[in-house]
Amino acid sequence: MLVLGIETSCDDTAAAVVAYKNRVLSSVVSSQSVHQLYGGVVPEIASRQHVRLIVPAVRTALEKAGVSLDQIDALAVTMGPGLIGSLLVGLCFAKAVSFVTGKPFIGVNHVEAHLFSVLAETDELRFPFVGLCVSGGHTELMYVREFGDYQLLGSTVDDAAGEAVDKVAKMLGLGFPGGPELEALARQGDSTRVTFPRARLKRKGYDMSFSGLKTAVKYFIQGQSSPLSDALRADVAACFQKAVVDALVEKLVEACRAKDAKQAVLAGGVACNTVLREETERACASIGVRLLVPSSALCSDNAVMVAIAGGRRLSAGQRSSLDLPACSTLEELLEIEVA
């Protein structure tokens, strides 16, 4: 089965063609650099850019795969969570193609797609496992019993980890997206110079919080009698990064122990961070858990992961109807999936 995957949940317009057994024939990602002018994603601009970019992205994906639209067996498209306007562009495009060609399509959970993106590079994923999806819009900790059978263990109660990273990067005078630049700056710093808080919520569970950490960095910077020196900027970046990584790793390890999981998956855009990858792998190894992490290209938003997750659902006989709605939040999406 050849699946055309489409991803437009935020500011990347992506298309991919994936064949039987998760063989990737093509992957195209058109990033919207215009948002750098505003220091963050502007939803209205993102939607308009998707309208402009989606046809060229799909056409290029088909050309690189060496197939025509007629040869595609089905479509998989992100239905949520994400920016509602952006989601609607991809979803309406997939519906239109399905209506005209008669080919089936399936709406895909963006977080689910991230967790199964590792299947593009390995066939060693085993159930059950604990999955941590960390990006600019998501920080979700999931227990995956089987494909389609998930327990949401915890999430952030405020800023997503990637969102906090982008905001702190802006405080330090770095560009957008802030993740790569903050990591590069942190490499030059001392991660022990400043102690920033690790949010531990009073209620039991696996929920996380990064807003307080972000605010602590803000107050530290404002409390200095003069602008930060280059050395202190690097130290702040390193200490902030360590606080984020510590919080994420702690919750993942707690969940693996509680669920007696033997495997874990770390995915999402923030999983590109080298320190997070290394510390998570070290912590998992210390408790006998094997960690699987996609390559950097598959951590950021892409359509390969959408095609893989959608392909599994399509192979199980699942199909979406033309009245399928876009869902901006994970809670809304889970309600529709259960229904």
C-alpha atoms as a PDB file:
ATOM      1  CA  MET A   1       0.000   0.000   0.000  1.00  0.00           C
ATOM      2  CA  LEU A   2       1.275   3.443  -0.955  1.00  0.00           C
ATOM      3  CA  VAL A   3       0.217   6.147   1.499  1.00  0.00           C
ATOM      4  CA  LEU A   4       0.474   9.864   0.855  1.00  0.00           C
ATOM      5  CA  GLY A   5       1.010  11.628   4.174  1.00  0.00           C
ATOM      6  CA  ILE A   6       0.152  15.295   4.734  1.00  0.00           C
ATOM      7  CA  GLU A   7       1.130  17.372   7.766  1.00  0.00           C
ATOM      8  CA  THR A   8       0.078  21.007   8.379  1.00  0.00           C
ATOM      9  CA  SER A   9      -0.453  21.216  12.138  1.00  0.00           C
ATOM     10  CA  CYS A  10       1.696  24.300  12.747  1.00  0.00           C
ATOM     11  CA  ASP A  11       4.140  26.127  10.478  1.00  0.00           C
ATOM     12  CA  ASP A  12       5.674  23.293   8.417  1.00  0.00           C
ATOM     13  CA  THR A  13       3.959  22.168   5.230  1.00  0.00           C
ATOM     14  CA  ALA A  14       4.968  18.545   4.744  1.00  0.00           C
ATOM     15  CA  ALA A  15       4.148  15.714   2.374  1.00  0.00           C
ATOM     16  CA  ALA A  16       5.581  12.201   2.092  1.00  0.00           C
ATOM     17  CA  VAL A  17       5.029   8.910   0.343  1.00  0.00           C
ATOM     18  CA  VAL A  18       5.494   5.749   2.400  1.00  0.00           C
ATOM     19  CA  ALA A  19       5.233   2.193   1.073  1.00  0.00           C
ATOM     20  CA  TYR A  20       4.691  -1.236   2.627  1.00  0.00           C
ATOM     21  CA  LYS A  21       6.597  -1.943   5.852  1.00  0.00           C
ATOM     22  CA  ASN A  22       7.246   1.781   6.430  1.00  0.00           C
ATOM     23  CA  ARG A  23       9.599   2.186   3.482  1.00  0.00           C
ATOM     24  CA  VAL A  24      10.008   5.928   2.949  1.00  0.00           C
ATOM     25  CA  LEU A  25       9.944   6.848  -0.736  1.00  0.00           C
ATOM     26  CA  SER A  26       9.978  10.608  -0.253  1.00  0.00           C
ATOM     27  CA  SER A  27       9.712  13.308   2.373  1.00  0.00           C
ATOM     28  CA  VAL A  28       9.256  17.023   1.728  1.00  0.00           C
ATOM     29  CA  VAL A  29       9.100  19.708   4.423  1.00  0.00           C
ATOM     30  CA  SER A  30       8.557  23.359   3.498  1.00  0.00           C
ATOM     31  CA  SER A  31       9.393  25.502   6.523  1.00  0.00           C
ATOM     32  CA  GLN A  32       7.906  28.962   6.870  1.00  0.00           C
ATOM     33  CA  SER A  33      10.838  31.272   7.612  1.00  0.00           C
ATOM     34  CA  VAL A  34       8.517  34.308   7.624  1.00  0.00           C
ATOM     35  CA  HIS A  35       7.712  33.682  11.308  1.00  0.00           C
ATOM     36  CA  GLN A  36      11.286  34.591  12.269  1.00  0.00           C
ATOM     37  CA  LEU A  37      10.308  38.227  11.721  1.00  0.00           C
ATOM     38  CA  TYR A  38       7.808  37.983  14.598  1.00  0.00           C
ATOM     39  CA  GLY A  39       9.748  35.797  17.021  1.00  0.00           C
ATOM     40  CA  GLY A  40       7.053  33.111  16.950  1.00  0.00           C
ATOM     41  CA  VAL A  41       4.411  31.437  14.811  1.00  0.00           C
ATOM     42  CA  VAL A  42       1.598  33.751  13.703  1.00  0.00           C
ATOM     43  CA  PRO A  43      -1.434  31.460  13.148  1.00  0.00           C
ATOM     44  CA  GLU A  44      -3.083  33.499  10.393  1.00  0.00           C
ATOM     45  CA  ILE A  45       0.156  33.775   8.431  1.00  0.00           C
ATOM     46  CA  ALA A  46       0.820  30.058   8.899  1.00  0.00           C
ATOM     47  CA  SER A  47      -2.584  29.171   7.448  1.00  0.00           C
ATOM     48  CA  ARG A  48      -2.080  31.366   4.407  1.00  0.00           C
ATOM     49  CA  GLN A  49       1.394  29.946   3.813  1.00  0.00           C
ATOM     50  CA  HIS A  50       0.023  26.402   3.944  1.00  0.00           C
ATOM     51  CA  VAL A  51      -2.476  27.292   1.212  1.00  0.00           C
ATOM     52  CA  ARG A  52       0.408  28.520  -0.937  1.00  0.00           C
ATOM     53  CA  LEU A  53       2.780  25.637  -0.218  1.00  0.00           C
ATOM     54  CA  ILE A  54       0.665  22.489   0.032  1.00  0.00           C
ATOM     55  CA  VAL A  55       0.219  21.786  -3.688  1.00  0.00           C
ATOM     56  CA  PRO A  56       3.938  22.209  -4.509  1.00  0.00           C
ATOM     57  CA  ALA A  57       4.874  20.075  -1.479  1.00  0.00           C
ATOM     58  CA  VAL A  58       2.585  17.213  -2.504  1.00  0.00           C
ATOM     59  CA  ARG A  59       3.655  17.449  -6.147  1.00  0.00           C
ATOM     60  CA  THR A  60       7.334  17.312  -5.155  1.00  0.00           C
ATOM     61  CA  ALA A  61       6.758  14.371  -2.806  1.00  0.00           C
ATOM     62  CA  LEU A  62       5.097  12.397  -5.598  1.00  0.00           C
ATOM     63  CA  GLU A  63       7.864  13.270  -8.062  1.00  0.00           C
ATOM     64  CA  LYS A  64      10.631  12.268  -5.645  1.00  0.00           C
ATOM     65  CA  ALA A  65       8.845   8.984  -4.928  1.00  0.00           C
ATOM     66  CA  GLY A  66       8.527   8.320  -8.652  1.00  0.00           C
ATOM     67  CA  VAL A  67       4.781   7.753  -8.468  1.00  0.00           C
ATOM     68  CA  SER A  68       1.663   9.498  -9.701  1.00  0.00           C
ATOM     69  CA  LEU A  69      -1.394  10.401  -7.672  1.00  0.00           C
ATOM     70  CA  ASP A  70      -3.238   7.586  -9.444  1.00  0.00           C
ATOM     71  CA  GLN A  71      -0.805   5.077  -7.928  1.00  0.00           C
ATOM     72  CA  ILE A  72      -1.431   6.273  -4.367  1.00  0.00           C
ATOM     73  CA  ASP A  73      -3.701   3.873  -2.490  1.00  0.00           C
ATOM     74  CA  ALA A  74      -4.752   6.149   0.372  1.00  0.00           C
ATOM     75  CA  LEU A  75      -4.089   9.433   2.146  1.00  0.00           C
ATOM     76  CA  ALA A  76      -3.220  10.123   5.770  1.00  0.00           C
ATOM     77  CA  VAL A  77      -3.512  13.646   7.139  1.00  0.00           C
ATOM     78  CA  THR A  78      -3.032  15.285  10.510  1.00  0.00           C
ATOM     79  CA  MET A  79      -6.423  16.164  12.020  1.00  0.00           C
ATOM     80  CA  GLY A  80      -5.063  17.536  15.304  1.00  0.00           C
ATOM     81  CA  PRO A  81      -3.946  18.736  17.684  1.00  0.00           C
ATOM     82  CA  GLY A  82      -2.491  21.960  16.327  1.00  0.00           C
ATOM     83  CA  LEU A  83      -3.409  25.376  15.003  1.00  0.00           C
ATOM     84  CA  ILE A  84      -6.967  25.079  13.773  1.00  0.00           C
ATOM     85  CA  GLY A  85      -6.465  27.150  10.617  1.00  0.00           C
ATOM     86  CA  SER A  86      -3.333  25.235   9.651  1.00  0.00           C
ATOM     87  CA  LEU A  87      -4.984  21.882  10.298  1.00  0.00           C
ATOM     88  CA  LEU A  88      -7.943  22.798   8.107  1.00  0.00           C
ATOM     89  CA  VAL A  89      -5.713  23.442   5.099  1.00  0.00           C
ATOM     90  CA  GLY A  90      -4.225  19.944   5.131  1.00  0.00           C
ATOM     91  CA  LEU A  91      -7.467  18.248   6.113  1.00  0.00           C
ATOM     92  CA  CYS A  92      -9.527  19.991   3.414  1.00  0.00           C
ATOM     93  CA  PHE A  93      -6.866  19.219   0.816  1.00  0.00           C
ATOM     94  CA  ALA A  94      -6.934  15.510   1.712  1.00  0.00           C
ATOM     95  CA  LYS A  95     -10.736  15.472   1.659  1.00  0.00           C
ATOM     96  CA  ALA A  96     -10.787  17.118  -1.759  1.00  0.00           C
ATOM     97  CA  VAL A  97      -8.347  14.575  -3.207  1.00  0.00           C
ATOM     98  CA  SER A  98     -10.317  11.738  -1.617  1.00  0.00           C
ATOM     99  CA  PHE A  99     -13.605  13.060  -3.025  1.00  0.00           C
ATOM    100  CA  VAL A 100     -12.265  13.520  -6.544  1.00  0.00           C
ATOM    101  CA  THR A 101     -10.267  10.284  -6.786  1.00  0.00           C
ATOM    102  CA  GLY A 102     -12.348   8.017  -4.576  1.00  0.00           C
ATOM    103  CA  LYS A 103      -9.258   7.066  -2.592  1.00  0.00           C
ATOM    104  CA  PRO A 104      -9.755   6.553   1.159  1.00  0.00           C
ATOM    105  CA  PHE A 105      -8.229   8.890   3.705  1.00  0.00           C
ATOM    106  CA  ILE A 106      -7.669   8.744   7.448  1.00  0.00           C
ATOM    107  CA  GLY A 107      -7.283  11.528  10.000  1.00  0.00           C
ATOM    108  CA  VAL A 108      -4.218  11.080  12.216  1.00  0.00           C
ATOM    109  CA  ASN A 109      -3.451  12.152  15.774  1.00  0.00           C
ATOM    110  CA  HIS A 110      -0.306  14.315  15.598  1.00  0.00           C
ATOM    111  CA  VAL A 111       1.026  13.051  18.949  1.00  0.00           C
ATOM    112  CA  GLU A 112       0.398   9.439  17.950  1.00  0.00           C
ATOM    113  CA  ALA A 113       2.313  10.072  14.719  1.00  0.00           C
ATOM    114  CA  HIS A 114       5.314  11.434  16.634  1.00  0.00           C
ATOM    115  CA  LEU A 115       5.439   8.392  18.909  1.00  0.00           C
ATOM    116  CA  PHE A 116       5.473   5.984  15.971  1.00  0.00           C
ATOM    117  CA  SER A 117       7.911   7.956  13.798  1.00  0.00           C
ATOM    118  CA  VAL A 118      10.678   5.593  14.980  1.00  0.00           C
ATOM    119  CA  LEU A 119       9.139   2.871  12.791  1.00  0.00           C
ATOM    120  CA  ALA A 120      10.628   4.597   9.751  1.00  0.00           C
ATOM    121  CA  GLU A 121      14.077   3.650  11.044  1.00  0.00           C
ATOM    122  CA  THR A 122      13.655   0.509  13.142  1.00  0.00           C
ATOM    123  CA  ASP A 123      11.421  -2.536  13.437  1.00  0.00           C
ATOM    124  CA  GLU A 124      12.466  -3.148  17.049  1.00  0.00           C
ATOM    125  CA  LEU A 125       9.658  -1.214  18.724  1.00  0.00           C
ATOM    126  CA  ARG A 126       7.765  -3.470  21.113  1.00  0.00           C
ATOM    127  CA  PHE A 127       4.574  -3.037  23.137  1.00  0.00           C
ATOM    128  CA  PRO A 128       3.903  -1.857  25.743  1.00  0.00           C
ATOM    129  CA  PHE A 129       6.138   1.210  26.012  1.00  0.00           C
ATOM    130  CA  VAL A 130       6.190   4.661  27.567  1.00  0.00           C
ATOM    131  CA  GLY A 131       6.281   7.530  25.102  1.00  0.00           C
ATOM    132  CA  LEU A 132       7.277  11.138  25.731  1.00  0.00           C
ATOM    133  CA  CYS A 133       6.343  13.651  23.028  1.00  0.00           C
ATOM    134  CA  VAL A 134       8.080  17.004  23.543  1.00  0.00           C
ATOM    135  CA  SER A 135       7.712  19.907  21.132  1.00  0.00           C
ATOM    136  CA  GLY A 136       6.818  23.566  20.891  1.00  0.00           C
ATOM    137  CA  GLY A 137       3.152  22.770  21.419  1.00  0.00           C
ATOM    138  CA  HIS A 138       3.185  19.437  23.226  1.00  0.00           C
ATOM    139  CA  THR A 139       4.598  17.826  26.337  1.00  0.00           C
ATOM    140  CA  GLU A 140       2.696  14.570  26.727  1.00  0.00           C
ATOM    141  CA  LEU A 141       3.684  11.412  28.574  1.00  0.00           C
ATOM    142  CA  MET A 142       1.806   8.353  27.283  1.00  0.00           C
ATOM    143  CA  TYR A 143       1.598   4.680  28.148  1.00  0.00           C
ATOM    144  CA  VAL A 144       1.162   2.782  24.894  1.00  0.00           C
ATOM    145  CA  ARG A 145      -0.339  -0.676  25.418  1.00  0.00           C
ATOM    146  CA  GLU A 146      -0.888  -1.334  21.710  1.00  0.00           C
ATOM    147  CA  PHE A 147      -1.279   0.788  18.615  1.00  0.00           C
ATOM    148  CA  GLY A 148      -4.447   2.806  19.227  1.00  0.00           C
ATOM    149  CA  ASP A 149      -4.601   1.907  22.928  1.00  0.00           C
ATOM    150  CA  TYR A 150      -3.123   4.780  24.914  1.00  0.00           C
ATOM    151  CA  GLN A 151      -3.199   6.085  28.452  1.00  0.00           C
ATOM    152  CA  LEU A 152      -2.343   9.750  28.883  1.00  0.00           C
ATOM    153  CA  LEU A 153      -0.220   9.727  32.043  1.00  0.00           C
ATOM    154  CA  GLY A 154       0.590  13.407  32.225  1.00  0.00           C
ATOM    155  CA  SER A 155       1.215  16.616  30.330  1.00  0.00           C
ATOM    156  CA  THR A 156       2.265  20.180  30.976  1.00  0.00           C
ATOM    157  CA  VAL A 157      -0.211  22.290  32.932  1.00  0.00           C
ATOM    158  CA  ASP A 158       1.048  25.485  31.288  1.00  0.00           C
ATOM    159  CA  ASP A 159       3.784  26.143  28.726  1.00  0.00           C
ATOM    160  CA  ALA A 160       4.975  23.220  26.645  1.00  0.00           C
ATOM    161  CA  ALA A 161       8.682  22.545  27.072  1.00  0.00           C
ATOM    162  CA  GLY A 162       9.480  23.757  23.559  1.00  0.00           C
ATOM    163  CA  GLU A 163       7.382  26.871  24.083  1.00  0.00           C
ATOM    164  CA  ALA A 164       9.374  27.700  27.232  1.00  0.00           C
ATOM    165  CA  VAL A 165      12.604  27.159  25.307  1.00  0.00           C
ATOM    166  CA  ASP A 166      11.539  29.590  22.574  1.00  0.00           C
ATOM    167  CA  LYS A 167      10.529  32.235  25.136  1.00  0.00           C
ATOM    168  CA  VAL A 168      13.761  31.984  27.112  1.00  0.00           C
ATOM    169  CA  ALA A 169      15.758  32.056  23.881  1.00  0.00           C
ATOM    170  CA  LYS A 170      14.027  35.333  23.054  1.00  0.00           C
ATOM    171  CA  MET A 171      14.940  36.710  26.507  1.00  0.00           C
ATOM    172  CA  LEU A 172      18.567  35.882  25.724  1.00  0.00           C
ATOM    173  CA  GLY A 173      18.421  37.704  22.401  1.00  0.00           C
ATOM    174  CA  LEU A 174      18.382  34.568  20.270  1.00  0.00           C
ATOM    175  CA  GLY A 175      16.383  33.995  17.113  1.00  0.00           C
ATOM    176  CA  PHE A 176      13.327  31.853  16.377  1.00  0.00           C
ATOM    177  CA  PRO A 177      12.980  28.929  16.580  1.00  0.00           C
ATOM    178  CA  GLY A 178      14.985  29.132  19.758  1.00  0.00           C
ATOM    179  CA  GLY A 179      15.838  25.490  20.382  1.00  0.00           C
ATOM    180  CA  PRO A 180      18.922  25.072  18.155  1.00  0.00           C
ATOM    181  CA  GLU A 181      20.375  28.482  19.083  1.00  0.00           C
ATOM    182  CA  LEU A 182      19.806  27.988  22.808  1.00  0.00           C
ATOM    183  CA  GLU A 183      21.454  24.568  22.701  1.00  0.00           C
ATOM    184  CA  ALA A 184      24.459  25.999  20.859  1.00  0.00           C
ATOM    185  CA  LEU A 185      24.793  28.792  23.422  1.00  0.00           C
ATOM    186  CA  ALA A 186      24.369  26.354  26.324  1.00  0.00           C
ATOM    187  CA  ARG A 187      27.361  24.317  25.115  1.00  0.00           C
ATOM    188  CA  GLN A 188      29.563  27.280  26.024  1.00  0.00           C
ATOM    189  CA  GLY A 189      28.080  27.688  29.518  1.00  0.00           C
ATOM    190  CA  ASP A 190      28.335  26.280  33.032  1.00  0.00           C
ATOM    191  CA  SER A 191      25.145  24.395  33.912  1.00  0.00           C
ATOM    192  CA  THR A 192      25.885  24.642  37.658  1.00  0.00           C
ATOM    193  CA  ARG A 193      26.257  28.420  37.970  1.00  0.00           C
ATOM    194  CA  VAL A 194      22.568  29.241  38.528  1.00  0.00           C
ATOM    195  CA  THR A 195      19.994  27.006  40.191  1.00  0.00           C
ATOM    196  CA  PHE A 196      16.632  27.332  38.512  1.00  0.00           C
ATOM    197  CA  PRO A 197      13.512  25.615  39.933  1.00  0.00           C
ATOM    198  CA  ARG A 198      12.273  22.168  38.895  1.00  0.00           C
ATOM    199  CA  ALA A 199       8.513  22.317  39.111  1.00  0.00           C
ATOM    200  CA  ARG A 200       7.149  19.500  41.256  1.00  0.00           C
ATOM    201  CA  LEU A 201       3.402  19.827  41.445  1.00  0.00           C
ATOM    202  CA  LYS A 202       1.666  19.150  44.744  1.00  0.00           C
ATOM    203  CA  ARG A 203      -0.792  16.706  43.224  1.00  0.00           C
ATOM    204  CA  LYS A 204       0.455  13.227  42.456  1.00  0.00           C
ATOM    205  CA  GLY A 205       0.976  12.124  38.887  1.00  0.00           C
ATOM    206  CA  TYR A 206       3.105  12.894  35.899  1.00  0.00           C
ATOM    207  CA  ASP A 207       1.996  16.420  35.003  1.00  0.00           C
ATOM    208  CA  MET A 208       4.739  18.984  34.413  1.00  0.00           C
ATOM    209  CA  SER A 209       5.077  22.752  34.563  1.00  0.00           C
ATOM    210  CA  PHE A 210       7.532  25.035  32.770  1.00  0.00           C
ATOM    211  CA  SER A 211       5.957  28.452  33.201  1.00  0.00           C
ATOM    212  CA  GLY A 212       7.552  29.003  36.609  1.00  0.00           C
ATOM    213  CA  LEU A 213      10.960  28.062  35.255  1.00  0.00           C
ATOM    214  CA  LYS A 214      10.569  30.522  32.395  1.00  0.00           C
ATOM    215  CA  THR A 215       9.545  33.249  34.874  1.00  0.00           C
ATOM    216  CA  ALA A 216      12.531  32.458  37.119  1.00  0.00           C
ATOM    217  CA  VAL A 217      14.864  33.038  34.189  1.00  0.00           C
ATOM    218  CA  LYS A 218      13.101  36.321  33.412  1.00  0.00           C
ATOM    219  CA  TYR A 219      13.487  37.580  36.981  1.00  0.00           C
ATOM    220  CA  PHE A 220      17.123  36.495  37.113  1.00  0.00           C
ATOM    221  CA  ILE A 221      17.912  38.487  33.978  1.00  0.00           C
ATOM    222  CA  GLN A 222      15.971  41.517  35.230  1.00  0.00           C
ATOM    223  CA  GLY A 223      17.765  41.300  38.585  1.00  0.00           C
ATOM    224  CA  GLN A 224      21.202  41.872  37.091  1.00  0.00           C
ATOM    225  CA  SER A 225      22.645  45.348  37.520  1.00  0.00           C
ATOM    226  CA  SER A 226      23.917  45.383  33.945  1.00  0.00           C
ATOM    227  CA  PRO A 227      23.173  43.553  30.695  1.00  0.00           C
ATOM    228  CA  LEU A 228      24.267  39.941  30.708  1.00  0.00           C
ATOM    229  CA  SER A 229      27.826  39.310  29.610  1.00  0.00           C
ATOM    230  CA  ASP A 230      28.365  36.710  26.904  1.00  0.00           C
ATOM    231  CA  ALA A 231      29.634  34.272  29.518  1.00  0.00           C
ATOM    232  CA  LEU A 232      26.623  34.750  31.800  1.00  0.00           C
ATOM    233  CA  ARG A 233      24.203  34.421  28.872  1.00  0.00           C
ATOM    234  CA  ALA A 234      25.767  31.063  28.089  1.00  0.00           C
ATOM    235  CA  ASP A 235      25.547  30.013  31.746  1.00  0.00           C
ATOM    236  CA  VAL A 236      21.869  30.987  31.948  1.00  0.00           C
ATOM    237  CA  ALA A 237      21.164  29.002  28.773  1.00  0.00           C
ATOM    238  CA  ALA A 238      22.978  25.962  30.141  1.00  0.00           C
ATOM    239  CA  CYS A 239      21.260  26.120  33.539  1.00  0.00           C
ATOM    240  CA  PHE A 240      17.822  26.602  31.995  1.00  0.00           C
ATOM    241  CA  GLN A 241      18.392  23.729  29.584  1.00  0.00           C
ATOM    242  CA  LYS A 242      19.470  21.478  32.458  1.00  0.00           C
ATOM    243  CA  ALA A 243      16.311  22.336  34.426  1.00  0.00           C
ATOM    244  CA  VAL A 244      14.091  21.428  31.462  1.00  0.00           C
ATOM    245  CA  VAL A 245      15.961  18.194  30.783  1.00  0.00           C
ATOM    246  CA  ASP A 246      15.930  17.166  34.456  1.00  0.00           C
ATOM    247  CA  ALA A 247      12.152  17.612  34.678  1.00  0.00           C
ATOM    248  CA  LEU A 248      11.467  15.628  31.509  1.00  0.00           C
ATOM    249  CA  VAL A 249      13.829  12.787  32.343  1.00  0.00           C
ATOM    250  CA  GLU A 250      12.524  12.503  35.905  1.00  0.00           C
ATOM    251  CA  LYS A 251       8.915  12.050  34.770  1.00  0.00           C
ATOM    252  CA  LEU A 252       9.819   9.573  32.039  1.00  0.00           C
ATOM    253  CA  VAL A 253      11.826   7.428  34.453  1.00  0.00           C
ATOM    254  CA  GLU A 254       9.032   7.530  37.045  1.00  0.00           C
ATOM    255  CA  ALA A 255       6.530   6.351  34.442  1.00  0.00           C
ATOM    256  CA  CYS A 256       8.776   3.547  33.172  1.00  0.00           C
ATOM    257  CA  ARG A 257       9.243   2.260  36.703  1.00  0.00           C
ATOM    258  CA  ALA A 258       5.562   2.471  37.575  1.00  0.00           C
ATOM    259  CA  LYS A 259       4.512   0.687  34.382  1.00  0.00           C
ATOM    260  CA  ASP A 260       7.435  -1.764  34.428  1.00  0.00           C
ATOM    261  CA  ALA A 261       8.133  -0.751  30.837  1.00  0.00           C
ATOM    262  CA  LYS A 262      11.114  -2.223  29.009  1.00  0.00           C
ATOM    263  CA  GLN A 263      11.073   0.291  26.187  1.00  0.00           C
ATOM    264  CA  ALA A 264      10.549   4.035  25.917  1.00  0.00           C
ATOM    265  CA  VAL A 265      10.214   6.437  22.988  1.00  0.00           C
ATOM    266  CA  LEU A 266      11.343  10.060  23.027  1.00  0.00           C
ATOM    267  CA  ALA A 267       9.912  12.087  20.152  1.00  0.00           C
ATOM    268  CA  GLY A 268       8.934  15.589  19.045  1.00  0.00           C
ATOM    269  CA  GLY A 269      10.947  18.623  18.016  1.00  0.00           C
ATOM    270  CA  VAL A 270      12.614  19.133  21.405  1.00  0.00           C
ATOM    271  CA  ALA A 271      13.971  15.572  21.144  1.00  0.00           C
ATOM    272  CA  CYS A 272      16.501  17.019  18.674  1.00  0.00           C
ATOM    273  CA  ASN A 273      18.286  18.445  21.708  1.00  0.00           C
ATOM    274  CA  THR A 274      21.523  16.507  22.193  1.00  0.00           C
ATOM    275  CA  VAL A 275      21.606  16.890  25.980  1.00  0.00           C
ATOM    276  CA  LEU A 276      18.032  15.646  26.331  1.00  0.00           C
ATOM    277  CA  ARG A 277      18.776  12.641  24.130  1.00  0.00           C
ATOM    278  CA  GLU A 278      21.934  11.754  26.038  1.00  0.00           C
ATOM    279  CA  GLU A 279      20.497  12.240  29.519  1.00  0.00           C
ATOM    280  CA  THR A 280      17.312  10.329  28.685  1.00  0.00           C
ATOM    281  CA  GLU A 281      19.286   7.430  27.240  1.00  0.00           C
ATOM    282  CA  ARG A 282      21.578   7.345  30.283  1.00  0.00           C
ATOM    283  CA  ALA A 283      18.667   7.414  32.729  1.00  0.00           C
ATOM    284  CA  CYS A 284      16.731   4.730  30.851  1.00  0.00           C
ATOM    285  CA  ALA A 285      19.775   2.478  30.635  1.00  0.00           C
ATOM    286  CA  SER A 286      20.264   2.786  34.401  1.00  0.00           C
ATOM    287  CA  ILE A 287      16.851   1.155  35.001  1.00  0.00           C
ATOM    288  CA  GLY A 288      17.061  -1.398  32.211  1.00  0.00           C
ATOM    289  CA  VAL A 289      14.837   0.424  29.715  1.00  0.00           C
ATOM    290  CA  ARG A 290      15.739   0.602  26.047  1.00  0.00           C
ATOM    291  CA  LEU A 291      15.214   4.067  24.582  1.00  0.00           C
ATOM    292  CA  LEU A 292      14.254   4.638  20.961  1.00  0.00           C
ATOM    293  CA  VAL A 293      14.629   8.135  19.502  1.00  0.00           C
ATOM    294  CA  PRO A 294      13.967   9.127  15.869  1.00  0.00           C
ATOM    295  CA  SER A 295      16.631  10.924  13.882  1.00  0.00           C
ATOM    296  CA  SER A 296      16.448  14.705  14.037  1.00  0.00           C
ATOM    297  CA  ALA A 297      14.653  14.937  10.688  1.00  0.00           C
ATOM    298  CA  LEU A 298      11.852  12.742  12.034  1.00  0.00           C
ATOM    299  CA  CYS A 299      11.664  14.532  15.394  1.00  0.00           C
ATOM    300  CA  SER A 300      10.502  17.793  13.869  1.00  0.00           C
ATOM    301  CA  ASP A 301       7.102  17.924  12.172  1.00  0.00           C
ATOM    302  CA  ASN A 302       7.065  15.766   9.052  1.00  0.00           C
ATOM    303  CA  ALA A 303       4.629  13.799   6.919  1.00  0.00           C
ATOM    304  CA  VAL A 304       6.488  10.483   7.104  1.00  0.00           C
ATOM    305  CA  MET A 305       5.221   9.919  10.630  1.00  0.00           C
ATOM    306  CA  VAL A 306       1.684  10.808   9.544  1.00  0.00           C
ATOM    307  CA  ALA A 307       1.824   8.305   6.692  1.00  0.00           C
ATOM    308  CA  ILE A 308       3.161   5.580   8.997  1.00  0.00           C
ATOM    309  CA  ALA A 309       0.507   6.062  11.682  1.00  0.00           C
ATOM    310  CA  GLY A 310      -2.203   6.477   9.060  1.00  0.00           C
ATOM    311  CA  GLY A 311      -1.023   3.405   7.192  1.00  0.00           C
ATOM    312  CA  ARG A 312      -1.451   1.253  10.298  1.00  0.00           C
ATOM    313  CA  ARG A 313      -4.999   2.486  10.763  1.00  0.00           C
ATOM    314  CA  LEU A 314      -5.832   2.044   7.085  1.00  0.00           C
ATOM    315  CA  SER A 315      -4.440  -1.505   7.121  1.00  0.00           C
ATOM    316  CA  ALA A 316      -6.771  -2.230  10.038  1.00  0.00           C
ATOM    317  CA  GLY A 317      -9.705  -1.181   7.864  1.00  0.00           C
ATOM    318  CA  GLN A 318     -10.236   2.248   9.399  1.00  0.00           C
ATOM    319  CA  ARG A 319     -11.402   5.131   7.217  1.00  0.00           C
ATOM    320  CA  SER A 320     -12.456   8.732   7.843  1.00  0.00           C
ATOM    321  CA  SER A 321     -15.553  10.372   6.431  1.00  0.00           C
ATOM    322  CA  LEU A 322     -15.689  13.717   4.675  1.00  0.00           C
ATOM    323  CA  ASP A 323     -17.310  15.318   7.723  1.00  0.00           C
ATOM    324  CA  LEU A 324     -14.241  14.616   9.892  1.00  0.00           C
ATOM    325  CA  PRO A 325     -13.483  17.790  11.911  1.00  0.00           C
ATOM    326  CA  ALA A 326     -10.109  19.305  12.715  1.00  0.00           C
ATOM    327  CA  CYS A 327      -9.292  19.294  16.456  1.00  0.00           C
ATOM    328  CA  SER A 328      -7.072  21.956  17.975  1.00  0.00           C
ATOM    329  CA  THR A 329      -6.526  20.235  21.358  1.00  0.00           C
ATOM    330  CA  LEU A 330      -5.517  16.732  22.345  1.00  0.00           C
ATOM    331  CA  GLU A 331      -8.470  16.417  24.720  1.00  0.00           C
ATOM    332  CA  GLU A 332     -10.912  17.266  21.934  1.00  0.00           C
ATOM    333  CA  LEU A 333      -9.182  14.819  19.606  1.00  0.00           C
ATOM    334  CA  LEU A 334      -9.270  11.971  22.133  1.00  0.00           C
ATOM    335  CA  GLU A 335     -12.984  12.507  22.645  1.00  0.00           C
ATOM    336  CA  ILE A 336     -13.617  12.192  18.924  1.00  0.00           C
ATOM    337  CA  GLU A 337     -11.405   9.105  18.632  1.00  0.00           C
ATOM    338  CA  VAL A 338     -13.244   7.408  21.496  1.00  0.00           C
ATOM    339  CA  ALA A 339     -16.592   8.343  19.984  1.00  0.00           C
END
